[in-house]
N, C-alpha and C. Protein backbone atom coordinates (compact mmCIF):
# COMPACT_ATOMS: atom_id res chain seq x y z
N MET A 1 -14.71 -7.82 44.40
CA MET A 1 -15.20 -6.44 44.43
C MET A 1 -15.94 -6.16 43.11
N THR A 2 -17.15 -5.61 43.20
CA THR A 2 -17.93 -5.30 42.00
C THR A 2 -17.45 -4.00 41.37
N ASP A 3 -17.93 -3.75 40.16
CA ASP A 3 -17.62 -2.47 39.50
C ASP A 3 -18.10 -1.29 40.35
N ARG A 4 -19.28 -1.41 40.92
CA ARG A 4 -19.80 -0.34 41.79
C ARG A 4 -18.90 -0.14 42.99
N ASP A 5 -18.44 -1.24 43.59
CA ASP A 5 -17.54 -1.12 44.74
C ASP A 5 -16.26 -0.37 44.36
N LEU A 6 -15.75 -0.64 43.20
CA LEU A 6 -14.53 0.06 42.73
C LEU A 6 -14.80 1.55 42.54
N LEU A 7 -15.97 1.88 41.99
CA LEU A 7 -16.32 3.27 41.80
C LEU A 7 -16.53 3.98 43.15
N ILE A 8 -17.19 3.31 44.07
CA ILE A 8 -17.39 3.89 45.40
C ILE A 8 -16.04 4.11 46.07
N ASP A 9 -15.12 3.20 45.87
CA ASP A 9 -13.79 3.36 46.46
C ASP A 9 -13.06 4.58 45.89
N LYS A 10 -13.30 4.87 44.61
CA LYS A 10 -12.72 6.09 44.03
C LYS A 10 -13.27 7.33 44.72
N ILE A 11 -14.58 7.32 45.00
CA ILE A 11 -15.22 8.42 45.74
C ILE A 11 -14.59 8.51 47.14
N ARG A 12 -14.40 7.37 47.79
CA ARG A 12 -13.84 7.33 49.13
C ARG A 12 -12.42 7.92 49.18
N ARG A 13 -11.60 7.59 48.19
CA ARG A 13 -10.19 7.96 48.21
C ARG A 13 -9.89 9.37 47.69
N LEU A 14 -10.80 9.98 46.97
CA LEU A 14 -10.53 11.25 46.33
C LEU A 14 -10.04 12.35 47.28
N PRO A 15 -10.70 12.60 48.42
CA PRO A 15 -10.23 13.69 49.27
C PRO A 15 -8.76 13.54 49.70
N GLN A 16 -8.34 12.35 50.04
CA GLN A 16 -6.95 12.14 50.43
C GLN A 16 -6.00 12.32 49.25
N GLN A 17 -6.43 11.89 48.08
CA GLN A 17 -5.59 12.07 46.89
C GLN A 17 -5.39 13.56 46.59
N ILE A 18 -6.46 14.32 46.67
CA ILE A 18 -6.37 15.77 46.40
C ILE A 18 -5.52 16.44 47.47
N ALA A 19 -5.73 16.11 48.73
CA ALA A 19 -4.93 16.70 49.82
C ALA A 19 -3.45 16.39 49.61
N GLY A 20 -3.14 15.20 49.17
CA GLY A 20 -1.74 14.84 48.92
C GLY A 20 -1.13 15.62 47.76
N LEU A 21 -1.92 15.91 46.75
CA LEU A 21 -1.42 16.67 45.61
C LEU A 21 -1.11 18.12 45.95
N VAL A 22 -1.87 18.69 46.85
CA VAL A 22 -1.73 20.13 47.13
C VAL A 22 -0.90 20.43 48.38
N ASP A 23 -0.57 19.41 49.13
CA ASP A 23 0.17 19.61 50.37
C ASP A 23 1.51 20.32 50.11
N GLY A 24 1.72 21.40 50.82
CA GLY A 24 2.99 22.11 50.73
C GLY A 24 3.13 23.07 49.57
N LEU A 25 2.10 23.23 48.76
CA LEU A 25 2.18 24.16 47.62
C LEU A 25 2.10 25.61 48.11
N THR A 26 2.79 26.49 47.42
CA THR A 26 2.75 27.92 47.74
C THR A 26 1.46 28.53 47.18
N ASP A 27 1.14 29.75 47.67
CA ASP A 27 -0.01 30.46 47.13
C ASP A 27 0.11 30.65 45.61
N ALA A 28 1.31 30.95 45.16
CA ALA A 28 1.55 31.16 43.72
C ALA A 28 1.30 29.87 42.94
N GLN A 29 1.71 28.75 43.48
CA GLN A 29 1.47 27.47 42.80
C GLN A 29 -0.01 27.13 42.78
N LEU A 30 -0.71 27.52 43.83
CA LEU A 30 -2.14 27.21 43.92
C LEU A 30 -3.00 28.10 43.04
N THR A 31 -2.62 29.36 42.89
CA THR A 31 -3.49 30.30 42.18
C THR A 31 -2.99 30.68 40.79
N GLY A 32 -1.83 30.22 40.42
CA GLY A 32 -1.30 30.55 39.10
C GLY A 32 -2.04 29.81 38.00
N HIS A 33 -2.15 30.48 36.86
CA HIS A 33 -2.77 29.88 35.68
C HIS A 33 -1.66 29.49 34.71
N PHE A 34 -1.22 28.26 34.83
CA PHE A 34 -0.05 27.80 34.09
C PHE A 34 -0.41 27.10 32.78
N LEU A 35 -1.66 26.78 32.59
CA LEU A 35 -2.14 26.16 31.34
C LEU A 35 -3.27 27.02 30.78
N ALA A 36 -3.11 27.43 29.55
CA ALA A 36 -4.12 28.30 28.91
C ALA A 36 -5.48 27.62 28.92
N GLY A 37 -6.48 28.39 29.34
CA GLY A 37 -7.84 27.90 29.32
C GLY A 37 -8.18 26.92 30.44
N GLU A 38 -7.29 26.70 31.37
CA GLU A 38 -7.57 25.75 32.48
C GLU A 38 -7.57 26.52 33.79
N TRP A 39 -8.27 25.96 34.75
CA TRP A 39 -8.33 26.55 36.06
C TRP A 39 -7.04 26.37 36.82
N SER A 40 -6.84 27.20 37.84
CA SER A 40 -5.71 27.05 38.74
C SER A 40 -5.92 25.79 39.59
N VAL A 41 -4.88 25.38 40.28
CA VAL A 41 -4.99 24.25 41.21
C VAL A 41 -6.08 24.56 42.26
N ALA A 42 -6.03 25.75 42.81
CA ALA A 42 -7.03 26.13 43.84
C ALA A 42 -8.44 26.05 43.28
N GLN A 43 -8.65 26.58 42.09
CA GLN A 43 -9.99 26.53 41.49
C GLN A 43 -10.46 25.10 41.31
N ASN A 44 -9.54 24.21 40.93
CA ASN A 44 -9.90 22.79 40.78
C ASN A 44 -10.37 22.22 42.10
N VAL A 45 -9.65 22.50 43.17
CA VAL A 45 -9.99 21.95 44.48
C VAL A 45 -11.33 22.50 44.95
N HIS A 46 -11.50 23.80 44.88
CA HIS A 46 -12.78 24.42 45.29
C HIS A 46 -13.92 23.91 44.42
N HIS A 47 -13.67 23.74 43.13
CA HIS A 47 -14.69 23.21 42.21
C HIS A 47 -15.13 21.81 42.62
N LEU A 48 -14.18 20.97 43.00
CA LEU A 48 -14.55 19.62 43.41
C LEU A 48 -15.52 19.67 44.57
N ALA A 49 -15.27 20.55 45.55
CA ALA A 49 -16.21 20.68 46.67
C ALA A 49 -17.58 21.16 46.18
N ASP A 50 -17.58 22.20 45.35
CA ASP A 50 -18.84 22.74 44.83
C ASP A 50 -19.61 21.71 44.00
N SER A 51 -18.91 21.11 43.06
CA SER A 51 -19.56 20.15 42.16
C SER A 51 -20.07 18.93 42.89
N HIS A 52 -19.27 18.39 43.79
CA HIS A 52 -19.66 17.18 44.47
C HIS A 52 -20.77 17.43 45.49
N MET A 53 -20.80 18.67 46.06
CA MET A 53 -21.94 19.01 46.93
C MET A 53 -23.22 19.03 46.09
N ASN A 54 -23.16 19.65 44.90
CA ASN A 54 -24.34 19.67 44.03
C ASN A 54 -24.77 18.25 43.67
N SER A 55 -23.82 17.42 43.32
CA SER A 55 -24.14 16.05 42.92
C SER A 55 -24.74 15.24 44.07
N TYR A 56 -24.18 15.43 45.26
CA TYR A 56 -24.70 14.71 46.43
C TYR A 56 -26.18 15.08 46.65
N ILE A 57 -26.48 16.37 46.58
CA ILE A 57 -27.86 16.80 46.73
C ILE A 57 -28.74 16.20 45.64
N ARG A 58 -28.23 16.19 44.40
CA ARG A 58 -28.98 15.58 43.30
C ARG A 58 -29.26 14.11 43.59
N CYS A 59 -28.28 13.40 44.12
CA CYS A 59 -28.47 11.98 44.46
C CYS A 59 -29.56 11.80 45.51
N LYS A 60 -29.54 12.66 46.53
CA LYS A 60 -30.56 12.55 47.55
C LYS A 60 -31.95 12.85 46.99
N LEU A 61 -32.02 13.84 46.09
CA LEU A 61 -33.32 14.14 45.45
C LEU A 61 -33.80 12.95 44.63
N ILE A 62 -32.92 12.37 43.84
CA ILE A 62 -33.31 11.22 43.02
C ILE A 62 -33.77 10.06 43.89
N ALA A 63 -33.07 9.85 45.01
CA ALA A 63 -33.40 8.73 45.88
C ALA A 63 -34.73 8.91 46.62
N THR A 64 -35.17 10.17 46.74
CA THR A 64 -36.34 10.43 47.59
C THR A 64 -37.52 11.04 46.84
N GLU A 65 -37.34 11.41 45.59
CA GLU A 65 -38.42 12.01 44.82
C GLU A 65 -38.60 11.27 43.49
N ASP A 66 -39.76 11.44 42.91
CA ASP A 66 -40.05 10.80 41.63
C ASP A 66 -39.58 11.68 40.48
N HIS A 67 -38.49 11.28 39.83
CA HIS A 67 -37.95 11.95 38.65
C HIS A 67 -37.80 13.47 38.85
N PRO A 68 -37.03 13.85 39.84
CA PRO A 68 -36.88 15.29 40.14
C PRO A 68 -36.09 16.04 39.08
N PRO A 69 -36.36 17.34 38.94
CA PRO A 69 -35.52 18.17 38.09
C PRO A 69 -34.18 18.41 38.80
N LEU A 70 -33.10 18.40 38.03
CA LEU A 70 -31.77 18.62 38.58
C LEU A 70 -31.24 19.95 38.04
N LYS A 71 -31.07 20.90 38.93
CA LYS A 71 -30.72 22.26 38.52
C LYS A 71 -29.26 22.36 38.09
N PRO A 72 -29.02 22.91 36.91
CA PRO A 72 -27.63 23.16 36.50
C PRO A 72 -27.09 24.44 37.13
N TYR A 73 -25.78 24.66 37.01
CA TYR A 73 -25.18 25.89 37.47
C TYR A 73 -23.97 26.17 36.56
N ASP A 74 -23.52 27.41 36.54
CA ASP A 74 -22.40 27.81 35.69
C ASP A 74 -21.09 27.61 36.45
N GLN A 75 -20.44 26.49 36.23
CA GLN A 75 -19.24 26.15 37.01
C GLN A 75 -18.11 27.16 36.77
N ASP A 76 -18.00 27.73 35.60
CA ASP A 76 -16.95 28.73 35.36
C ASP A 76 -17.18 30.00 36.15
N MET A 77 -18.44 30.44 36.23
CA MET A 77 -18.73 31.61 37.06
C MET A 77 -18.47 31.31 38.54
N TRP A 78 -18.85 30.12 38.98
CA TRP A 78 -18.60 29.74 40.36
C TRP A 78 -17.10 29.73 40.64
N ALA A 79 -16.29 29.25 39.69
CA ALA A 79 -14.84 29.15 39.89
C ALA A 79 -14.16 30.51 39.99
N GLU A 80 -14.81 31.57 39.52
CA GLU A 80 -14.24 32.92 39.60
C GLU A 80 -14.59 33.61 40.91
N MET A 81 -15.53 33.08 41.67
CA MET A 81 -15.93 33.72 42.92
C MET A 81 -14.83 33.61 43.96
N ALA A 82 -14.79 34.55 44.89
CA ALA A 82 -13.72 34.62 45.88
C ALA A 82 -13.59 33.35 46.71
N ASP A 83 -14.70 32.73 47.05
CA ASP A 83 -14.65 31.50 47.85
C ASP A 83 -14.18 30.29 47.08
N ALA A 84 -14.03 30.43 45.77
CA ALA A 84 -13.66 29.30 44.92
C ALA A 84 -12.40 29.54 44.10
N SER A 85 -11.66 30.58 44.45
CA SER A 85 -10.45 30.85 43.67
C SER A 85 -9.23 31.18 44.51
N GLY A 86 -9.42 31.42 45.81
CA GLY A 86 -8.31 31.79 46.68
C GLY A 86 -7.44 30.60 47.06
N PRO A 87 -6.27 30.90 47.62
CA PRO A 87 -5.30 29.84 47.93
C PRO A 87 -5.60 29.06 49.21
N ASP A 88 -6.49 29.53 50.06
CA ASP A 88 -6.79 28.79 51.29
C ASP A 88 -7.74 27.63 50.96
N LEU A 89 -7.19 26.44 50.99
CA LEU A 89 -7.97 25.25 50.60
C LEU A 89 -8.56 24.49 51.79
N ALA A 90 -8.27 24.94 53.00
CA ALA A 90 -8.64 24.19 54.19
C ALA A 90 -10.14 23.88 54.24
N VAL A 91 -10.97 24.86 53.98
CA VAL A 91 -12.42 24.63 54.09
C VAL A 91 -12.89 23.71 52.98
N SER A 92 -12.42 23.92 51.76
CA SER A 92 -12.86 23.05 50.64
C SER A 92 -12.38 21.61 50.84
N LEU A 93 -11.16 21.44 51.36
CA LEU A 93 -10.67 20.09 51.63
C LEU A 93 -11.47 19.43 52.75
N ALA A 94 -11.82 20.20 53.77
CA ALA A 94 -12.64 19.67 54.86
C ALA A 94 -14.04 19.31 54.35
N LEU A 95 -14.61 20.18 53.53
CA LEU A 95 -15.92 19.88 52.93
C LEU A 95 -15.88 18.61 52.09
N LEU A 96 -14.86 18.51 51.28
CA LEU A 96 -14.71 17.34 50.40
C LEU A 96 -14.57 16.06 51.23
N THR A 97 -13.78 16.13 52.29
CA THR A 97 -13.58 14.96 53.15
C THR A 97 -14.89 14.55 53.82
N ALA A 98 -15.57 15.51 54.42
CA ALA A 98 -16.84 15.21 55.11
C ALA A 98 -17.90 14.74 54.12
N LEU A 99 -18.00 15.45 53.02
CA LEU A 99 -19.01 15.11 52.01
C LEU A 99 -18.80 13.70 51.46
N HIS A 100 -17.56 13.36 51.14
CA HIS A 100 -17.29 12.06 50.58
C HIS A 100 -17.54 10.96 51.61
N SER A 101 -17.32 11.24 52.89
CA SER A 101 -17.65 10.26 53.93
C SER A 101 -19.14 9.96 53.92
N ARG A 102 -19.95 11.02 53.83
CA ARG A 102 -21.40 10.84 53.76
C ARG A 102 -21.82 10.16 52.45
N TRP A 103 -21.20 10.58 51.34
CA TRP A 103 -21.57 10.05 50.03
C TRP A 103 -21.28 8.56 49.95
N VAL A 104 -20.18 8.12 50.53
CA VAL A 104 -19.84 6.69 50.54
C VAL A 104 -20.91 5.91 51.31
N VAL A 105 -21.34 6.44 52.45
CA VAL A 105 -22.41 5.77 53.21
C VAL A 105 -23.68 5.71 52.36
N PHE A 106 -24.01 6.80 51.68
CA PHE A 106 -25.17 6.82 50.79
C PHE A 106 -25.06 5.69 49.76
N TRP A 107 -23.92 5.65 49.04
CA TRP A 107 -23.74 4.67 47.97
C TRP A 107 -23.77 3.24 48.51
N GLU A 108 -23.08 3.02 49.62
CA GLU A 108 -22.98 1.64 50.13
C GLU A 108 -24.29 1.11 50.69
N ASN A 109 -25.22 1.98 50.98
CA ASN A 109 -26.50 1.57 51.55
C ASN A 109 -27.69 1.77 50.63
N LEU A 110 -27.41 2.06 49.38
CA LEU A 110 -28.49 2.28 48.42
C LEU A 110 -29.12 0.93 48.06
N PRO A 111 -30.44 0.83 48.23
CA PRO A 111 -31.10 -0.44 47.87
C PRO A 111 -30.93 -0.74 46.38
N THR A 112 -30.88 -2.00 46.07
CA THR A 112 -30.65 -2.45 44.69
C THR A 112 -31.60 -1.78 43.71
N ASP A 113 -32.87 -1.69 44.06
CA ASP A 113 -33.84 -1.12 43.13
C ASP A 113 -33.71 0.39 42.95
N ALA A 114 -32.96 1.05 43.82
CA ALA A 114 -32.82 2.51 43.74
C ALA A 114 -31.79 2.94 42.70
N TRP A 115 -30.88 2.06 42.33
CA TRP A 115 -29.82 2.43 41.38
C TRP A 115 -30.38 2.93 40.05
N ALA A 116 -31.51 2.48 39.66
CA ALA A 116 -32.10 2.85 38.37
C ALA A 116 -32.96 4.11 38.47
N ARG A 117 -33.20 4.63 39.68
CA ARG A 117 -34.00 5.84 39.83
C ARG A 117 -33.33 6.96 39.07
N LYS A 118 -34.13 7.87 38.50
CA LYS A 118 -33.61 8.92 37.65
C LYS A 118 -34.12 10.30 38.03
N GLY A 119 -33.31 11.29 37.68
CA GLY A 119 -33.71 12.68 37.71
C GLY A 119 -33.47 13.25 36.34
N PHE A 120 -33.99 14.45 36.10
CA PHE A 120 -33.84 15.08 34.78
C PHE A 120 -32.97 16.31 34.87
N HIS A 121 -31.88 16.31 34.12
CA HIS A 121 -30.97 17.46 34.00
C HIS A 121 -31.19 18.09 32.63
N PRO A 122 -31.44 19.41 32.57
CA PRO A 122 -31.78 20.05 31.29
C PRO A 122 -30.70 19.87 30.21
N ALA A 123 -29.44 19.82 30.60
CA ALA A 123 -28.37 19.68 29.62
C ALA A 123 -28.00 18.23 29.33
N ASN A 124 -28.26 17.34 30.29
CA ASN A 124 -27.80 15.95 30.17
C ASN A 124 -28.92 14.93 30.08
N GLY A 125 -30.17 15.37 30.16
CA GLY A 125 -31.29 14.46 30.08
C GLY A 125 -31.47 13.65 31.37
N ASP A 126 -32.06 12.48 31.22
CA ASP A 126 -32.29 11.62 32.37
C ASP A 126 -30.96 11.06 32.89
N LEU A 127 -30.78 11.13 34.20
CA LEU A 127 -29.58 10.58 34.86
C LEU A 127 -30.02 9.65 35.97
N SER A 128 -29.52 8.44 35.95
CA SER A 128 -29.79 7.49 37.04
C SER A 128 -28.72 7.63 38.11
N LEU A 129 -28.99 7.08 39.27
CA LEU A 129 -27.98 7.08 40.32
C LEU A 129 -26.74 6.30 39.87
N ASP A 130 -26.95 5.24 39.12
CA ASP A 130 -25.83 4.49 38.56
C ASP A 130 -24.98 5.39 37.65
N ASP A 131 -25.65 6.18 36.79
CA ASP A 131 -24.93 7.11 35.92
C ASP A 131 -24.11 8.13 36.72
N ILE A 132 -24.69 8.63 37.79
CA ILE A 132 -24.01 9.66 38.60
C ILE A 132 -22.79 9.07 39.29
N LEU A 133 -22.90 7.87 39.83
CA LEU A 133 -21.74 7.25 40.46
C LEU A 133 -20.60 7.13 39.45
N LYS A 134 -20.88 6.62 38.27
CA LYS A 134 -19.85 6.47 37.23
C LYS A 134 -19.26 7.83 36.86
N SER A 135 -20.12 8.79 36.67
CA SER A 135 -19.69 10.12 36.25
C SER A 135 -18.80 10.80 37.28
N TYR A 136 -19.18 10.72 38.56
CA TYR A 136 -18.43 11.45 39.57
C TYR A 136 -17.16 10.73 40.02
N ALA A 137 -17.10 9.42 39.87
CA ALA A 137 -15.83 8.72 40.08
C ALA A 137 -14.85 9.19 39.00
N ALA A 138 -15.32 9.31 37.76
CA ALA A 138 -14.48 9.79 36.67
C ALA A 138 -14.17 11.27 36.83
N HIS A 139 -15.11 12.04 37.33
CA HIS A 139 -14.93 13.48 37.51
C HIS A 139 -13.75 13.75 38.44
N GLY A 140 -13.70 13.06 39.55
CA GLY A 140 -12.58 13.22 40.47
C GLY A 140 -11.26 12.91 39.80
N GLU A 141 -11.22 11.81 39.04
CA GLU A 141 -9.98 11.44 38.36
C GLU A 141 -9.58 12.48 37.32
N SER A 142 -10.54 13.07 36.65
CA SER A 142 -10.20 14.07 35.63
C SER A 142 -9.60 15.31 36.27
N HIS A 143 -10.03 15.65 37.47
CA HIS A 143 -9.46 16.82 38.16
C HIS A 143 -8.11 16.48 38.79
N ILE A 144 -7.87 15.25 39.19
CA ILE A 144 -6.54 14.83 39.60
C ILE A 144 -5.59 15.01 38.41
N ASP A 145 -6.04 14.60 37.23
CA ASP A 145 -5.23 14.76 36.03
C ASP A 145 -4.97 16.23 35.72
N GLN A 146 -6.01 17.06 35.81
CA GLN A 146 -5.84 18.48 35.52
C GLN A 146 -4.89 19.15 36.52
N ILE A 147 -5.01 18.81 37.79
CA ILE A 147 -4.09 19.37 38.80
C ILE A 147 -2.67 18.90 38.53
N THR A 148 -2.50 17.64 38.22
CA THR A 148 -1.17 17.09 37.94
C THR A 148 -0.55 17.78 36.73
N ARG A 149 -1.33 17.99 35.68
CA ARG A 149 -0.82 18.67 34.47
C ARG A 149 -0.49 20.12 34.79
N THR A 150 -1.32 20.78 35.60
CA THR A 150 -1.06 22.18 35.96
C THR A 150 0.23 22.30 36.76
N LEU A 151 0.43 21.40 37.71
CA LEU A 151 1.65 21.43 38.50
C LEU A 151 2.89 21.14 37.65
N ALA A 152 2.75 20.25 36.70
CA ALA A 152 3.88 19.91 35.81
C ALA A 152 4.24 21.08 34.89
N ALA A 153 3.25 21.95 34.61
CA ALA A 153 3.48 23.10 33.70
C ALA A 153 4.15 24.27 34.40
N GLN A 154 4.27 24.23 35.71
CA GLN A 154 4.85 25.36 36.45
C GLN A 154 6.34 25.48 36.22
């Protein structure tokens, strides 16, 4: 298995890992802010759906356009919105599951020469598809860690 295959597998497994972490939690456990300066468990889950949807679109733009601009967004403002802070995780978990199924197909079928294609992000500069795969495999793991720490702090 190559390094890329391992990273793609992290993308593949993330929705099930998140669903397992939040299964059976109460509304209070999902929406409580138990660590100063950190999001609730629910905000983390909704954020993963929001962030990974944005990244998937960025990947498609990079794969199909010449050096496209990649639009940033304010993740903290998004996390405060009603659709990204409430305890009902069903839609975000379904989005994450469906999205990651598509994203895995995207990654597994990307032509070798496409991995180096880049887009431009105003805050992060040039990003290749290779960079994004590495970043988002790590991104999922960082939110698993944040959710785990939040649950432990309750």
